[in-house]
């Protein structure tokens, strides 16, 4: 599995394509330490393959501001929990290339209870 993180003032932070609702879910990742979500009942997101993670970086032109890390995860799942501006959390079954309730889920997205960054890839 692979994690895309935002480099911010020397910290490795979670990233999100919709910053309007991201702040309350923001997670700081530390290499070689398992990290869980900030909000109870939510999940962390990773990519199934390096190619899927790279695709997201290039899609949003994040090459200079984000990194990809190989990671270990706890309880990986194809089920993706989506957070909306209305602060409702719904569960949608992930299917590559599908738009769920108007939110585009990046191809290869997986959810997990905890993530540990193990090796910087790019």
PDB file of N, CA and C in Angstrom:
ATOM      1  N   UNK A   1       0.850  -1.174   0.000  1.00  0.00           N
ATOM      2  CA  UNK A   1       0.000   0.000   0.000  1.00  0.00           C
ATOM      3  C   UNK A   1       0.901   1.245   0.000  1.00  0.00           C
ATOM      4  N   UNK A   2       0.298   2.374  -0.422  1.00  0.00           N
ATOM      5  CA  UNK A   2       1.048   3.623  -0.561  1.00  0.00           C
ATOM      6  C   UNK A   2       0.225   4.790  -0.033  1.00  0.00           C
ATOM      7  N   UNK A   3       0.908   5.738   0.587  1.00  0.00           N
ATOM      8  CA  UNK A   3       0.259   6.920   1.148  1.00  0.00           C
ATOM      9  C   UNK A   3       0.820   8.174   0.492  1.00  0.00           C
ATOM     10  N   UNK A   4      -0.066   9.064   0.056  1.00  0.00           N
ATOM     11  CA  UNK A   4       0.328  10.379  -0.449  1.00  0.00           C
ATOM     12  C   UNK A   4       0.209  11.348   0.717  1.00  0.00           C
ATOM     13  N   UNK A   5       1.292  12.056   1.018  1.00  0.00           N
ATOM     14  CA  UNK A   5       1.290  13.034   2.118  1.00  0.00           C
ATOM     15  C   UNK A   5       1.710  14.401   1.601  1.00  0.00           C
ATOM     16  N   UNK A   6       1.223  15.424   2.277  1.00  0.00           N
ATOM     17  CA  UNK A   6       1.546  16.811   1.946  1.00  0.00           C
ATOM     18  C   UNK A   6       2.708  17.257   2.823  1.00  0.00           C
ATOM     19  N   UNK A   7       3.766  17.771   2.201  1.00  0.00           N
ATOM     20  CA  UNK A   7       4.903  18.317   2.952  1.00  0.00           C
ATOM     21  C   UNK A   7       4.535  19.740   3.364  1.00  0.00           C
ATOM     22  N   UNK A   8       4.446  19.971   4.669  1.00  0.00           N
ATOM     23  CA  UNK A   8       4.007  21.276   5.166  1.00  0.00           C
ATOM     24  C   UNK A   8       4.878  21.683   6.351  1.00  0.00           C
ATOM     25  N   UNK A   9       5.755  22.661   6.142  1.00  0.00           N
ATOM     26  CA  UNK A   9       6.643  23.165   7.204  1.00  0.00           C
ATOM     27  C   UNK A   9       7.416  22.035   7.874  1.00  0.00           C
ATOM     28  N   UNK A  10       7.935  21.126   7.065  1.00  0.00           N
ATOM     29  CA  UNK A  10       8.738  20.027   7.598  1.00  0.00           C
ATOM     30  C   UNK A  10       7.934  18.867   8.154  1.00  0.00           C
ATOM     31  N   UNK A  11       6.612  18.966   8.118  1.00  0.00           N
ATOM     32  CA  UNK A  11       5.751  17.894   8.627  1.00  0.00           C
ATOM     33  C   UNK A  11       5.129  17.144   7.456  1.00  0.00           C
ATOM     34  N   UNK A  12       4.805  15.885   7.695  1.00  0.00           N
ATOM     35  CA  UNK A  12       4.118  15.056   6.710  1.00  0.00           C
ATOM     36  C   UNK A  12       2.649  14.987   7.112  1.00  0.00           C
ATOM     37  N   UNK A  13       1.814  15.689   6.358  1.00  0.00           N
ATOM     38  CA  UNK A  13       0.404  15.827   6.711  1.00  0.00           C
ATOM     39  C   UNK A  13      -0.480  15.096   5.701  1.00  0.00           C
ATOM     40  N   UNK A  14      -1.674  14.748   6.140  1.00  0.00           N
ATOM     41  CA  UNK A  14      -2.642  14.164   5.219  1.00  0.00           C
ATOM     42  C   UNK A  14      -2.993  15.187   4.153  1.00  0.00           C
ATOM     43  N   UNK A  15      -3.441  14.707   3.029  1.00  0.00           N
ATOM     44  CA  UNK A  15      -3.824  15.611   1.941  1.00  0.00           C
ATOM     45  C   UNK A  15      -5.251  15.304   1.524  1.00  0.00           C
ATOM     46  N   UNK A  16      -5.870  16.307   0.915  1.00  0.00           N
ATOM     47  CA  UNK A  16      -7.243  16.160   0.466  1.00  0.00           C
ATOM     48  C   UNK A  16      -7.471  17.089  -0.705  1.00  0.00           C
ATOM     49  N   UNK A  17      -8.224  16.636  -1.697  1.00  0.00           N
ATOM     50  CA  UNK A  17      -8.484  17.473  -2.864  1.00  0.00           C
ATOM     51  C   UNK A  17      -9.542  18.534  -2.573  1.00  0.00           C
ATOM     52  N   UNK A  18     -10.301  18.393  -1.491  1.00  0.00           N
ATOM     53  CA  UNK A  18     -11.307  19.379  -1.117  1.00  0.00           C
ATOM     54  C   UNK A  18     -10.939  19.966   0.245  1.00  0.00           C
ATOM     55  N   UNK A  19     -10.198  21.084   0.270  1.00  0.00           N
ATOM     56  CA  UNK A  19      -9.720  21.637   1.543  1.00  0.00           C
ATOM     57  C   UNK A  19     -10.812  22.222   2.416  1.00  0.00           C
ATOM     58  N   UNK A  20     -12.027  22.398   1.904  1.00  0.00           N
ATOM     59  CA  UNK A  20     -13.102  22.983   2.698  1.00  0.00           C
ATOM     60  C   UNK A  20     -13.448  22.169   3.936  1.00  0.00           C
ATOM     61  N   UNK A  21     -13.336  20.856   3.864  1.00  0.00           N
ATOM     62  CA  UNK A  21     -13.677  20.042   5.029  1.00  0.00           C
ATOM     63  C   UNK A  21     -12.493  19.277   5.576  1.00  0.00           C
ATOM     64  N   UNK A  22     -11.329  19.601   5.119  1.00  0.00           N
ATOM     65  CA  UNK A  22     -10.152  18.824   5.479  1.00  0.00           C
ATOM     66  C   UNK A  22      -9.585  19.142   6.859  1.00  0.00           C
ATOM     67  N   UNK A  23      -9.652  20.374   7.321  1.00  0.00           N
ATOM     68  CA  UNK A  23      -8.953  20.764   8.545  1.00  0.00           C
ATOM     69  C   UNK A  23      -9.307  19.921   9.763  1.00  0.00           C
ATOM     70  N   UNK A  24     -10.561  19.592   9.931  1.00  0.00           N
ATOM     71  CA  UNK A  24     -10.945  18.836  11.115  1.00  0.00           C
ATOM     72  C   UNK A  24     -10.510  17.375  11.057  1.00  0.00           C
ATOM     73  N   UNK A  25     -10.078  16.913   9.893  1.00  0.00           N
ATOM     74  CA  UNK A  25      -9.632  15.538   9.725  1.00  0.00           C
ATOM     75  C   UNK A  25      -8.116  15.422   9.555  1.00  0.00           C
ATOM     76  N   UNK A  26      -7.405  16.542   9.581  1.00  0.00           N
ATOM     77  CA  UNK A  26      -5.973  16.571   9.264  1.00  0.00           C
ATOM     78  C   UNK A  26      -5.167  15.695  10.233  1.00  0.00           C
ATOM     79  N   UNK A  27      -4.302  14.865   9.660  1.00  0.00           N
ATOM     80  CA  UNK A  27      -3.470  13.937  10.430  1.00  0.00           C
ATOM     81  C   UNK A  27      -2.012  14.222  10.124  1.00  0.00           C
ATOM     82  N   UNK A  28      -1.172  14.216  11.170  1.00  0.00           N
ATOM     83  CA  UNK A  28       0.268  14.312  10.963  1.00  0.00           C
ATOM     84  C   UNK A  28       0.842  12.901  11.013  1.00  0.00           C
ATOM     85  N   UNK A  29       1.584  12.534   9.953  1.00  0.00           N
ATOM     86  CA  UNK A  29       2.195  11.217   9.870  1.00  0.00           C
ATOM     87  C   UNK A  29       3.646  11.298  10.306  1.00  0.00           C
ATOM     88  N   UNK A  30       4.088  10.279  11.028  1.00  0.00           N
ATOM     89  CA  UNK A  30       5.471  10.174  11.475  1.00  0.00           C
ATOM     90  C   UNK A  30       6.036   8.862  10.938  1.00  0.00           C
ATOM     91  N   UNK A  31       7.191   8.922  10.269  1.00  0.00           N
ATOM     92  CA  UNK A  31       7.767   7.686   9.732  1.00  0.00           C
ATOM     93  C   UNK A  31       7.944   6.624  10.811  1.00  0.00           C
ATOM     94  N   UNK A  32       7.644   5.388  10.449  1.00  0.00           N
ATOM     95  CA  UNK A  32       7.820   4.210  11.305  1.00  0.00           C
ATOM     96  C   UNK A  32       6.983   4.226  12.579  1.00  0.00           C
ATOM     97  N   UNK A  33       5.871   4.953  12.554  1.00  0.00           N
ATOM     98  CA  UNK A  33       4.937   4.953  13.689  1.00  0.00           C
ATOM     99  C   UNK A  33       3.517   4.807  13.162  1.00  0.00           C
ATOM    100  N   UNK A  34       2.748   3.901  13.750  1.00  0.00           N
ATOM    101  CA  UNK A  34       1.353   3.789  13.348  1.00  0.00           C
ATOM    102  C   UNK A  34       0.592   5.017  13.814  1.00  0.00           C
ATOM    103  N   UNK A  35      -0.234   5.553  12.920  1.00  0.00           N
ATOM    104  CA  UNK A  35      -1.036   6.741  13.189  1.00  0.00           C
ATOM    105  C   UNK A  35      -2.481   6.405  12.829  1.00  0.00           C
ATOM    106  N   UNK A  36      -3.405   6.873  13.661  1.00  0.00           N
ATOM    107  CA  UNK A  36      -4.826   6.663  13.398  1.00  0.00           C
ATOM    108  C   UNK A  36      -5.510   7.978  13.060  1.00  0.00           C
ATOM    109  N   UNK A  37      -6.786   7.924  12.706  1.00  0.00           N
ATOM    110  CA  UNK A  37      -7.520   9.147  12.366  1.00  0.00           C
ATOM    111  C   UNK A  37      -7.736  10.031  13.589  1.00  0.00           C
ATOM    112  N   UNK A  38      -7.889  11.323  13.346  1.00  0.00           N
ATOM    113  CA  UNK A  38      -8.126  12.289  14.420  1.00  0.00           C
ATOM    114  C   UNK A  38      -9.539  12.137  14.957  1.00  0.00           C
ATOM    115  N   UNK A  39     -10.498  11.959  14.073  1.00  0.00           N
ATOM    116  CA  UNK A  39     -11.901  11.866  14.476  1.00  0.00           C
ATOM    117  C   UNK A  39     -12.330  10.412  14.618  1.00  0.00           C
ATOM    118  N   UNK A  40     -12.929  10.109  15.738  1.00  0.00           N
ATOM    119  CA  UNK A  40     -13.418   8.760  16.004  1.00  0.00           C
ATOM    120  C   UNK A  40     -14.442   8.355  14.947  1.00  0.00           C
ATOM    121  N   UNK A  41     -14.358   7.114  14.500  1.00  0.00           N
ATOM    122  CA  UNK A  41     -15.298   6.589  13.538  1.00  0.00           C
ATOM    123  C   UNK A  41     -14.940   6.863  12.088  1.00  0.00           C
ATOM    124  N   UNK A  42     -13.795   7.517  11.855  1.00  0.00           N
ATOM    125  CA  UNK A  42     -13.373   7.770  10.481  1.00  0.00           C
ATOM    126  C   UNK A  42     -12.216   6.846  10.123  1.00  0.00           C
ATOM    127  N   UNK A  43     -11.776   6.918   8.900  1.00  0.00           N
ATOM    128  CA  UNK A  43     -10.700   6.057   8.399  1.00  0.00           C
ATOM    129  C   UNK A  43      -9.612   6.909   7.766  1.00  0.00           C
ATOM    130  N   UNK A  44      -8.481   6.286   7.525  1.00  0.00           N
ATOM    131  CA  UNK A  44      -7.391   6.902   6.771  1.00  0.00           C
ATOM    132  C   UNK A  44      -7.397   6.288   5.380  1.00  0.00           C
ATOM    133  N   UNK A  45      -6.864   7.029   4.410  1.00  0.00           N
ATOM    134  CA  UNK A  45      -6.909   6.576   3.029  1.00  0.00           C
ATOM    135  C   UNK A  45      -5.515   6.341   2.481  1.00  0.00           C
ATOM    136  N   UNK A  46      -5.388   5.258   1.749  1.00  0.00           N
ATOM    137  CA  UNK A  46      -4.135   4.869   1.111  1.00  0.00           C
ATOM    138  C   UNK A  46      -4.463   4.423  -0.314  1.00  0.00           C
ATOM    139  N   UNK A  47      -3.419   4.148  -1.068  1.00  0.00           N
ATOM    140  CA  UNK A  47      -3.602   3.634  -2.420  1.00  0.00           C
ATOM    141  C   UNK A  47      -3.110   2.207  -2.498  1.00  0.00           C
ATOM    142  N   UNK A  48      -3.798   1.432  -3.299  1.00  0.00           N
ATOM    143  CA  UNK A  48      -3.468   0.027  -3.456  1.00  0.00           C
ATOM    144  C   UNK A  48      -2.136  -0.181  -4.167  1.00  0.00           C
ATOM    145  N   UNK A  49      -1.807   0.674  -5.155  1.00  0.00           N
ATOM    146  CA  UNK A  49      -0.568   0.511  -5.916  1.00  0.00           C
ATOM    147  C   UNK A  49       0.177   1.837  -6.018  1.00  0.00           C
ATOM    148  N   UNK A  50       1.455   1.742  -6.310  1.00  0.00           N
ATOM    149  CA  UNK A  50       2.263   2.929  -6.535  1.00  0.00           C
ATOM    150  C   UNK A  50       1.722   3.714  -7.724  1.00  0.00           C
ATOM    151  N   UNK A  51       1.299   3.023  -8.753  1.00  0.00           N
ATOM    152  CA  UNK A  51       0.764   3.689  -9.944  1.00  0.00           C
ATOM    153  C   UNK A  51      -0.470   4.531  -9.600  1.00  0.00           C
ATOM    154  N   UNK A  52      -1.335   4.012  -8.727  1.00  0.00           N
ATOM    155  CA  UNK A  52      -2.520   4.770  -8.320  1.00  0.00           C
ATOM    156  C   UNK A  52      -2.124   6.031  -7.554  1.00  0.00           C
ATOM    157  N   UNK A  53      -1.142   5.923  -6.660  1.00  0.00           N
ATOM    158  CA  UNK A  53      -0.669   7.084  -5.887  1.00  0.00           C
ATOM    159  C   UNK A  53      -0.030   8.116  -6.815  1.00  0.00           C
ATOM    160  N   UNK A  54       0.797   7.653  -7.744  1.00  0.00           N
ATOM    161  CA  UNK A  54       1.433   8.570  -8.692  1.00  0.00           C
ATOM    162  C   UNK A  54       0.397   9.281  -9.558  1.00  0.00           C
ATOM    163  N   UNK A  55      -0.635   8.566  -9.936  1.00  0.00           N
ATOM    164  CA  UNK A  55      -1.693   9.151 -10.750  1.00  0.00           C
ATOM    165  C   UNK A  55      -2.349  10.335 -10.043  1.00  0.00           C
ATOM    166  N   UNK A  56      -2.579  10.204  -8.752  1.00  0.00           N
ATOM    167  CA  UNK A  56      -3.177  11.310  -7.999  1.00  0.00           C
ATOM    168  C   UNK A  56      -2.232  12.500  -7.938  1.00  0.00           C
ATOM    169  N   UNK A  57      -0.954  12.245  -7.688  1.00  0.00           N
ATOM    170  CA  UNK A  57       0.038  13.329  -7.625  1.00  0.00           C
ATOM    171  C   UNK A  57       0.060  14.109  -8.935  1.00  0.00           C
ATOM    172  N   UNK A  58       0.082  13.397 -10.049  1.00  0.00           N
ATOM    173  CA  UNK A  58       0.154  14.061 -11.352  1.00  0.00           C
ATOM    174  C   UNK A  58      -1.173  14.716 -11.738  1.00  0.00           C
ATOM    175  N   UNK A  59      -2.277  14.091 -11.360  1.00  0.00           N
ATOM    176  CA  UNK A  59      -3.584  14.658 -11.682  1.00  0.00           C
ATOM    177  C   UNK A  59      -3.758  16.051 -11.080  1.00  0.00           C
ATOM    178  N   UNK A  60      -3.253  16.242  -9.860  1.00  0.00           N
ATOM    179  CA  UNK A  60      -3.402  17.529  -9.169  1.00  0.00           C
ATOM    180  C   UNK A  60      -2.135  18.382  -9.211  1.00  0.00           C
ATOM    181  N   UNK A  61      -1.133  17.943  -9.981  1.00  0.00           N
ATOM    182  CA  UNK A  61       0.123  18.681 -10.123  1.00  0.00           C
ATOM    183  C   UNK A  61       0.784  18.950  -8.764  1.00  0.00           C
ATOM    184  N   UNK A  62       0.855  17.904  -7.940  1.00  0.00           N
ATOM    185  CA  UNK A  62       1.392  18.009  -6.584  1.00  0.00           C
ATOM    186  C   UNK A  62       2.848  17.548  -6.486  1.00  0.00           C
ATOM    187  N   UNK A  63       3.563  17.436  -7.604  1.00  0.00           N
ATOM    188  CA  UNK A  63       4.907  16.868  -7.584  1.00  0.00           C
ATOM    189  C   UNK A  63       5.849  17.593  -6.620  1.00  0.00           C
ATOM    190  N   UNK A  64       5.703  18.899  -6.468  1.00  0.00           N
ATOM    191  CA  UNK A  64       6.625  19.661  -5.617  1.00  0.00           C
ATOM    192  C   UNK A  64       6.162  19.790  -4.171  1.00  0.00           C
ATOM    193  N   UNK A  65       4.929  19.437  -3.889  1.00  0.00           N
ATOM    194  CA  UNK A  65       4.389  19.678  -2.545  1.00  0.00           C
ATOM    195  C   UNK A  65       3.998  18.409  -1.804  1.00  0.00           C
ATOM    196  N   UNK A  66       4.041  17.258  -2.472  1.00  0.00           N
ATOM    197  CA  UNK A  66       3.609  16.012  -1.858  1.00  0.00           C
ATOM    198  C   UNK A  66       4.642  14.907  -2.069  1.00  0.00           C
ATOM    199  N   UNK A  67       4.574  13.908  -1.198  1.00  0.00           N
ATOM    200  CA  UNK A  67       5.450  12.741  -1.295  1.00  0.00           C
ATOM    201  C   UNK A  67       4.599  11.481  -1.286  1.00  0.00           C
ATOM    202  N   UNK A  68       5.180  10.417  -1.821  1.00  0.00           N
ATOM    203  CA  UNK A  68       4.554   9.099  -1.752  1.00  0.00           C
ATOM    204  C   UNK A  68       5.414   8.230  -0.852  1.00  0.00           C
ATOM    205  N   UNK A  69       4.768   7.545   0.079  1.00  0.00           N
ATOM    206  CA  UNK A  69       5.448   6.647   0.999  1.00  0.00           C
ATOM    207  C   UNK A  69       4.851   5.245   0.890  1.00  0.00           C
ATOM    208  N   UNK A  70       5.710   4.245   0.921  1.00  0.00           N
ATOM    209  CA  UNK A  70       5.242   2.870   1.094  1.00  0.00           C
ATOM    210  C   UNK A  70       4.769   2.785   2.537  1.00  0.00           C
ATOM    211  N   UNK A  71       3.704   2.032   2.782  1.00  0.00           N
ATOM    212  CA  UNK A  71       3.183   1.997   4.147  1.00  0.00           C
ATOM    213  C   UNK A  71       2.624   0.634   4.520  1.00  0.00           C
ATOM    214  N   UNK A  72       2.527   0.432   5.812  1.00  0.00           N
ATOM    215  CA  UNK A  72       1.819  -0.712   6.379  1.00  0.00           C
ATOM    216  C   UNK A  72       0.488  -0.178   6.887  1.00  0.00           C
ATOM    217  N   UNK A  73      -0.546  -1.003   6.818  1.00  0.00           N
ATOM    218  CA  UNK A  73      -1.865  -0.558   7.265  1.00  0.00           C
ATOM    219  C   UNK A  73      -2.515  -1.602   8.169  1.00  0.00           C
ATOM    220  N   UNK A  74      -3.441  -1.140   8.991  1.00  0.00           N
ATOM    221  CA  UNK A  74      -4.235  -2.014   9.845  1.00  0.00           C
ATOM    222  C   UNK A  74      -5.662  -2.018   9.301  1.00  0.00           C
ATOM    223  N   UNK A  75      -6.208  -3.198   9.088  1.00  0.00           N
ATOM    224  CA  UNK A  75      -7.572  -3.390   8.591  1.00  0.00           C
ATOM    225  C   UNK A  75      -7.847  -2.692   7.261  1.00  0.00           C
ATOM    226  N   UNK A  76      -7.078  -3.020   6.228  1.00  0.00           N
ATOM    227  CA  UNK A  76      -7.349  -2.407   4.919  1.00  0.00           C
ATOM    228  C   UNK A  76      -8.692  -2.877   4.373  1.00  0.00           C
ATOM    229  N   UNK A  77      -9.339  -1.986   3.638  1.00  0.00           N
ATOM    230  CA  UNK A  77     -10.649  -2.311   3.090  1.00  0.00           C
ATOM    231  C   UNK A  77     -10.880  -1.567   1.785  1.00  0.00           C
ATOM    232  N   UNK A  78     -11.677  -2.174   0.902  1.00  0.00           N
ATOM    233  CA  UNK A  78     -12.101  -1.484  -0.310  1.00  0.00           C
ATOM    234  C   UNK A  78     -13.257  -0.542  -0.004  1.00  0.00           C
ATOM    235  N   UNK A  79     -13.816  -0.615   1.188  1.00  0.00           N
ATOM    236  CA  UNK A  79     -14.894   0.289   1.565  1.00  0.00           C
ATOM    237  C   UNK A  79     -14.297   1.648   1.894  1.00  0.00           C
ATOM    238  N   UNK A  80     -14.854   2.678   1.310  1.00  0.00           N
ATOM    239  CA  UNK A  80     -14.346   4.033   1.495  1.00  0.00           C
ATOM    240  C   UNK A  80     -15.402   4.860   2.207  1.00  0.00           C
ATOM    241  N   UNK A  81     -15.012   5.477   3.302  1.00  0.00           N
ATOM    242  CA  UNK A  81     -15.911   6.339   4.059  1.00  0.00           C
ATOM    243  C   UNK A  81     -15.684   7.764   3.593  1.00  0.00           C
ATOM    244  N   UNK A  82     -16.734   8.411   3.125  1.00  0.00           N
ATOM    245  CA  UNK A  82     -16.614   9.756   2.562  1.00  0.00           C
ATOM    246  C   UNK A  82     -17.156  10.786   3.550  1.00  0.00           C
ATOM    247  N   UNK A  83     -16.396  11.854   3.749  1.00  0.00           N
ATOM    248  CA  UNK A  83     -16.821  12.943   4.630  1.00  0.00           C
ATOM    249  C   UNK A  83     -17.275  14.109   3.765  1.00  0.00           C
ATOM    250  N   UNK A  84     -18.387  14.708   4.088  1.00  0.00           N
ATOM    251  CA  UNK A  84     -18.944  15.802   3.304  1.00  0.00           C
ATOM    252  C   UNK A  84     -18.962  17.087   4.120  1.00  0.00           C
ATOM    253  N   UNK A  85     -19.190  18.197   3.436  1.00  0.00           N
ATOM    254  CA  UNK A  85     -19.269  19.498   4.092  1.00  0.00           C
ATOM    255  C   UNK A  85     -20.341  19.508   5.176  1.00  0.00           C
ATOM    256  N   UNK A  86     -21.417  18.757   4.975  1.00  0.00           N
ATOM    257  CA  UNK A  86     -22.486  18.702   5.957  1.00  0.00           C
ATOM    258  C   UNK A  86     -22.090  17.877   7.183  1.00  0.00           C
ATOM    259  N   UNK A  87     -20.865  17.377   7.178  1.00  0.00           N
ATOM    260  CA  UNK A  87     -20.298  16.581   8.259  1.00  0.00           C
ATOM    261  C   UNK A  87     -21.002  15.242   8.464  1.00  0.00           C
ATOM    262  N   UNK A  88     -21.693  14.786   7.441  1.00  0.00           N
ATOM    263  CA  UNK A  88     -22.267  13.450   7.491  1.00  0.00           C
ATOM    264  C   UNK A  88     -21.197  12.491   6.999  1.00  0.00           C
ATOM    265  N   UNK A  89     -21.099  11.376   7.619  1.00  0.00           N
ATOM    266  CA  UNK A  89     -20.157  10.364   7.144  1.00  0.00           C
ATOM    267  C   UNK A  89     -20.971   9.197   6.618  1.00  0.00           C
ATOM    268  N   UNK A  90     -20.752   8.880   5.349  1.00  0.00           N
ATOM    269  CA  UNK A  90     -21.479   7.772   4.752  1.00  0.00           C
ATOM    270  C   UNK A  90     -20.495   6.720   4.292  1.00  0.00           C
ATOM    271  N   UNK A  91     -20.987   5.554   4.115  1.00  0.00           N
ATOM    272  CA  UNK A  91     -20.139   4.473   3.632  1.00  0.00           C
ATOM    273  C   UNK A  91     -20.535   4.138   2.208  1.00  0.00           C
ATOM    274  N   UNK A  92     -19.564   4.118   1.328  1.00  0.00           N
ATOM    275  CA  UNK A  92     -19.833   3.734  -0.052  1.00  0.00           C
ATOM    276  C   UNK A  92     -18.881   2.631  -0.449  1.00  0.00           C
ATOM    277  N   UNK A  93     -19.373   1.659  -1.174  1.00  0.00           N
ATOM    278  CA  UNK A  93     -18.474   0.599  -1.612  1.00  0.00           C
ATOM    279  C   UNK A  93     -17.644   1.091  -2.775  1.00  0.00           C
ATOM    280  N   UNK A  94     -16.342   0.966  -2.665  1.00  0.00           N
ATOM    281  CA  UNK A  94     -15.430   1.480  -3.674  1.00  0.00           C
ATOM    282  C   UNK A  94     -15.458   0.607  -4.923  1.00  0.00           C
ATOM    283  N   UNK A  95     -15.537   1.273  -6.044  1.00  0.00           N
ATOM    284  CA  UNK A  95     -15.387   0.603  -7.330  1.00  0.00           C
ATOM    285  C   UNK A  95     -14.566   1.528  -8.208  1.00  0.00           C
ATOM    286  N   UNK A  96     -13.489   1.035  -8.788  1.00  0.00           N
ATOM    287  CA  UNK A  96     -12.592   1.873  -9.581  1.00  0.00           C
ATOM    288  C   UNK A  96     -13.354   2.717 -10.591  1.00  0.00           C
ATOM    289  N   UNK A  97     -13.059   4.017 -10.579  1.00  0.00           N
ATOM    290  CA  UNK A  97     -13.613   4.915 -11.571  1.00  0.00           C
ATOM    291  C   UNK A  97     -15.029   5.378 -11.311  1.00  0.00           C
ATOM    292  N   UNK A  98     -15.623   5.021 -10.189  1.00  0.00           N
ATOM    293  CA  UNK A  98     -17.008   5.380  -9.905  1.00  0.00           C
ATOM    294  C   UNK A  98     -17.066   6.704  -9.153  1.00  0.00           C
ATOM    295  N   UNK A  99     -18.088   7.491  -9.461  1.00  0.00           N
ATOM    296  CA  UNK A  99     -18.341   8.704  -8.688  1.00  0.00           C
ATOM    297  C   UNK A  99     -19.445   8.375  -7.701  1.00  0.00           C
ATOM    298  N   UNK A 100     -19.159   8.566  -6.412  1.00  0.00           N
ATOM    299  CA  UNK A 100     -20.118   8.254  -5.363  1.00  0.00           C
ATOM    300  C   UNK A 100     -20.664   9.558  -4.810  1.00  0.00           C
ATOM    301  N   UNK A 101     -21.971   9.771  -4.959  1.00  0.00           N
ATOM    302  CA  UNK A 101     -22.626  10.982  -4.454  1.00  0.00           C
ATOM    303  C   UNK A 101     -21.860  12.241  -4.814  1.00  0.00           C
ATOM    304  N   UNK A 102     -21.492  12.374  -6.075  1.00  0.00           N
ATOM    305  CA  UNK A 102     -20.831  13.560  -6.634  1.00  0.00           C
ATOM    306  C   UNK A 102     -19.394  13.750  -6.171  1.00  0.00           C
ATOM    307  N   UNK A 103     -18.846  12.831  -5.446  1.00  0.00           N
ATOM    308  CA  UNK A 103     -17.444  12.932  -5.022  1.00  0.00           C
ATOM    309  C   UNK A 103     -16.657  11.879  -5.799  1.00  0.00           C
ATOM    310  N   UNK A 104     -15.662  12.309  -6.505  1.00  0.00           N
ATOM    311  CA  UNK A 104     -14.845  11.399  -7.294  1.00  0.00           C
ATOM    312  C   UNK A 104     -13.842  10.718  -6.372  1.00  0.00           C
ATOM    313  N   UNK A 105     -13.919   9.414  -6.281  1.00  0.00           N
ATOM    314  CA  UNK A 105     -12.989   8.651  -5.450  1.00  0.00           C
ATOM    315  C   UNK A 105     -11.815   8.258  -6.330  1.00  0.00           C
ATOM    316  N   UNK A 106     -10.592   8.698  -5.992  1.00  0.00           N
ATOM    317  CA  UNK A 106      -9.443   8.349  -6.832  1.00  0.00           C
ATOM    318  C   UNK A 106      -9.292   6.834  -7.000  1.00  0.00           C
ATOM    319  N   UNK A 107      -8.951   6.435  -8.189  1.00  0.00           N
ATOM    320  CA  UNK A 107      -8.773   5.020  -8.498  1.00  0.00           C
ATOM    321  C   UNK A 107      -7.744   4.415  -7.550  1.00  0.00           C
ATOM    322  N   UNK A 108      -8.056   3.242  -7.024  1.00  0.00           N
ATOM    323  CA  UNK A 108      -7.132   2.525  -6.148  1.00  0.00           C
ATOM    324  C   UNK A 108      -7.207   2.918  -4.692  1.00  0.00           C
ATOM    325  N   UNK A 109      -8.144   3.785  -4.320  1.00  0.00           N
ATOM    326  CA  UNK A 109      -8.262   4.218  -2.925  1.00  0.00           C
ATOM    327  C   UNK A 109      -8.717   3.062  -2.044  1.00  0.00           C
ATOM    328  N   UNK A 110      -8.089   2.935  -0.903  1.00  0.00           N
ATOM    329  CA  UNK A 110      -8.468   1.961   0.120  1.00  0.00           C
ATOM    330  C   UNK A 110      -8.538   2.694   1.456  1.00  0.00           C
ATOM    331  N   UNK A 111      -9.297   2.178   2.384  1.00  0.00           N
ATOM    332  CA  UNK A 111      -9.357   2.774   3.717  1.00  0.00           C
ATOM    333  C   UNK A 111      -8.652   1.853   4.704  1.00  0.00           C
ATOM    334  N   UNK A 112      -8.240   2.425   5.823  1.00  0.00           N
ATOM    335  CA  UNK A 112      -7.552   1.653   6.860  1.00  0.00           C
ATOM    336  C   UNK A 112      -7.767   2.321   8.215  1.00  0.00           C
ATOM    337  N   UNK A 113      -7.634   1.522   9.270  1.00  0.00           N
ATOM    338  CA  UNK A 113      -7.776   2.057  10.623  1.00  0.00           C
ATOM    339  C   UNK A 113      -6.520   2.789  11.084  1.00  0.00           C
ATOM    340  N   UNK A 114      -5.365   2.308  10.658  1.00  0.00           N
ATOM    341  CA  UNK A 114      -4.098   2.932  11.027  1.00  0.00           C
ATOM    342  C   UNK A 114      -3.116   2.784   9.864  1.00  0.00           C
ATOM    343  N   UNK A 115      -2.169   3.737   9.785  1.00  0.00           N
ATOM    344  CA  UNK A 115      -1.169   3.738   8.720  1.00  0.00           C
ATOM    345  C   UNK A 115       0.201   4.008   9.326  1.00  0.00           C
ATOM    346  N   UNK A 116       1.200   3.271   8.849  1.00  0.00           N
ATOM    347  CA  UNK A 116       2.590   3.506   9.246  1.00  0.00           C
ATOM    348  C   UNK A 116       3.409   3.728   7.982  1.00  0.00           C
ATOM    349  N   UNK A 117       4.010   4.919   7.844  1.00  0.00           N
ATOM    350  CA  UNK A 117       4.895   5.197   6.721  1.00  0.00           C
ATOM    351  C   UNK A 117       6.195   4.438   6.934  1.00  0.00           C
ATOM    352  N   UNK A 118       6.617   3.655   5.941  1.00  0.00           N
ATOM    353  CA  UNK A 118       7.821   2.835   6.133  1.00  0.00           C
ATOM    354  C   UNK A 118       9.002   3.247   5.252  1.00  0.00           C
ATOM    355  N   UNK A 119       8.711   3.755   4.041  1.00  0.00           N
ATOM    356  CA  UNK A 119       9.812   4.115   3.153  1.00  0.00           C
ATOM    357  C   UNK A 119       9.342   5.159   2.144  1.00  0.00           C
ATOM    358  N   UNK A 120      10.075   6.268   2.037  1.00  0.00           N
ATOM    359  CA  UNK A 120       9.746   7.298   1.056  1.00  0.00           C
ATOM    360  C   UNK A 120      10.047   6.752  -0.338  1.00  0.00           C
ATOM    361  N   UNK A 121       9.061   6.871  -1.228  1.00  0.00           N
ATOM    362  CA  UNK A 121       9.206   6.370  -2.591  1.00  0.00           C
ATOM    363  C   UNK A 121       9.536   7.520  -3.534  1.00  0.00           C
ATOM    364  N   UNK A 122       8.827   8.619  -3.402  1.00  0.00           N
ATOM    365  CA  UNK A 122       9.092   9.789  -4.255  1.00  0.00           C
ATOM    366  C   UNK A 122       8.565  11.051  -3.600  1.00  0.00           C
TER     367      UNK A 122
END
